[in-house]
Amino acid sequence: MKIKTHEHYNAVVIELKGNVMGGPEAQEFSDLLHKLLEEGKKNVVVDLSSVKFMNSSGLGMLISGFTTMKNGGGSLKLARATEKINSLLVITKLITIFENFDSVDEAVKSFS
């Protein structure tokens, strides 16, 4: 999995690429979120459009990221989940926890 970030108006967009399987990348993701909170950046959008596969550890990574941001007074939203990832969110009922948007722009606008 590759992690790329860029700022988009009042939010930080984190683009995940490849297979999201937890492991060392989960720590990298967590460290990134903590760093953003320290810098006072509380609005995060995770762009899932380039994620090919996600296992339970990958879902755990997103849940833990969601919790980290919430506990830090921020929020984490999902954008552009593929059909495969979307059905995973529905099956696990995580779709009721995460705000999920069709585009990064919609997700970013939802913060204002």
Protein backbone atom coordinates (compact mmCIF):
# COMPACT_ATOMS: atom_id res chain seq x y z
CA MET A 1 0.00 0.00 0.00
CA LYS A 2 1.18 3.51 -0.80
CA ILE A 3 0.10 6.62 1.08
CA LYS A 4 0.02 10.03 -0.60
CA THR A 5 -1.29 13.22 1.00
CA HIS A 6 -2.24 16.64 -0.29
CA GLU A 7 -4.18 19.56 1.13
CA HIS A 8 -7.47 20.48 -0.43
CA TYR A 9 -8.97 23.72 0.94
CA ASN A 10 -9.71 23.07 4.62
CA ALA A 11 -8.95 19.32 4.56
CA VAL A 12 -6.09 16.91 4.14
CA VAL A 13 -6.72 14.22 1.52
CA ILE A 14 -4.97 10.92 2.15
CA GLU A 15 -4.84 8.77 -0.96
CA LEU A 16 -4.40 5.04 -0.37
CA LYS A 17 -3.13 2.92 -3.27
CA GLY A 18 -2.89 -0.83 -3.74
CA ASN A 19 -3.82 -3.44 -1.14
CA VAL A 20 -4.76 -2.22 2.33
CA MET A 21 -3.75 -5.09 4.61
CA GLY A 22 -2.71 -3.45 7.88
CA GLY A 23 0.82 -4.39 8.96
CA PRO A 24 3.60 -1.77 9.00
CA GLU A 25 1.52 0.53 6.78
CA ALA A 26 -1.14 0.71 9.51
CA GLN A 27 1.46 2.22 11.84
CA GLU A 28 2.54 4.67 9.13
CA PHE A 29 -1.14 5.69 8.64
CA SER A 30 -1.62 6.12 12.41
CA ASP A 31 1.58 8.19 12.75
CA LEU A 32 0.44 10.41 9.87
CA LEU A 33 -2.93 11.08 11.55
CA HIS A 34 -1.27 11.91 14.87
CA LYS A 35 1.10 14.30 13.08
CA LEU A 36 -1.84 16.02 11.35
CA LEU A 37 -3.63 16.46 14.69
CA GLU A 38 -0.47 17.94 16.22
CA GLU A 39 -0.37 20.43 13.33
CA GLY A 40 -4.01 21.34 14.05
CA LYS A 41 -5.30 19.70 10.87
CA LYS A 42 -8.52 18.03 11.94
CA ASN A 43 -10.36 17.41 8.67
CA VAL A 44 -9.23 14.27 6.88
CA VAL A 45 -10.62 12.61 3.76
CA VAL A 46 -9.37 9.14 2.85
CA ASP A 47 -9.54 8.62 -0.93
CA LEU A 48 -10.10 4.91 -1.58
CA SER A 49 -10.40 5.07 -5.38
CA SER A 50 -7.04 3.31 -5.93
CA VAL A 51 -7.51 0.57 -3.34
CA LYS A 52 -7.65 -2.84 -5.03
CA PHE A 53 -8.19 -5.01 -1.97
CA MET A 54 -8.80 -4.55 1.75
CA ASN A 55 -8.77 -7.23 4.44
CA SER A 56 -9.98 -7.09 8.05
CA SER A 57 -6.68 -5.57 9.18
CA GLY A 58 -7.13 -2.82 6.59
CA LEU A 59 -10.64 -2.16 7.93
CA GLY A 60 -9.18 -2.11 11.44
CA MET A 61 -6.66 0.48 10.29
CA LEU A 62 -9.51 2.74 9.04
CA ILE A 63 -11.52 2.24 12.24
CA SER A 64 -8.50 3.07 14.38
CA GLY A 65 -7.83 6.15 12.22
CA PHE A 66 -11.46 7.22 12.64
CA THR A 67 -11.12 6.85 16.43
CA THR A 68 -7.79 8.71 16.51
CA MET A 69 -9.28 11.68 14.65
CA LYS A 70 -12.48 11.70 16.71
CA ASN A 71 -10.56 11.58 20.01
CA GLY A 72 -8.37 14.43 18.75
CA GLY A 73 -11.42 16.59 18.00
CA GLY A 74 -11.27 16.00 14.26
CA SER A 75 -13.04 13.80 11.77
CA LEU A 76 -12.18 11.27 9.10
CA LYS A 77 -14.40 10.71 6.07
CA LEU A 78 -14.14 8.30 3.16
CA ALA A 79 -14.37 9.18 -0.52
CA ARG A 80 -14.55 7.32 -3.82
CA ALA A 81 -14.71 3.80 -2.38
CA THR A 82 -14.75 1.22 -5.17
CA GLU A 83 -17.73 -1.09 -5.49
CA LYS A 84 -15.75 -3.90 -3.83
CA ILE A 85 -14.73 -1.74 -0.84
CA ASN A 86 -18.22 -0.27 -0.58
CA SER A 87 -19.82 -3.71 -0.32
CA LEU A 88 -17.25 -4.59 2.36
CA LEU A 89 -18.35 -1.51 4.34
CA VAL A 90 -22.01 -2.51 3.92
CA ILE A 91 -21.46 -6.16 4.95
CA THR A 92 -19.51 -5.13 8.07
CA LYS A 93 -22.08 -2.38 8.84
CA LEU A 94 -19.19 0.12 8.92
CA ILE A 95 -21.12 2.16 6.35
CA THR A 96 -23.18 3.36 9.35
CA ILE A 97 -20.05 4.68 11.09
CA PHE A 98 -18.10 6.27 8.24
CA GLU A 99 -19.37 9.15 6.17
CA ASN A 100 -18.77 7.98 2.63
CA PHE A 101 -18.80 10.32 -0.40
CA ASP A 102 -18.79 9.77 -4.16
CA SER A 103 -16.11 12.41 -4.69
CA VAL A 104 -13.27 13.99 -2.75
CA ASP A 105 -14.80 17.44 -3.41
CA GLU A 106 -18.12 16.43 -1.79
CA ALA A 107 -16.26 15.06 1.25
CA VAL A 108 -14.18 18.24 1.59
CA LYS A 109 -17.28 20.47 1.23
CA SER A 110 -19.03 18.48 3.98
CA PHE A 111 -16.56 19.93 6.53
CA SER A 112 -17.78 23.51 6.04
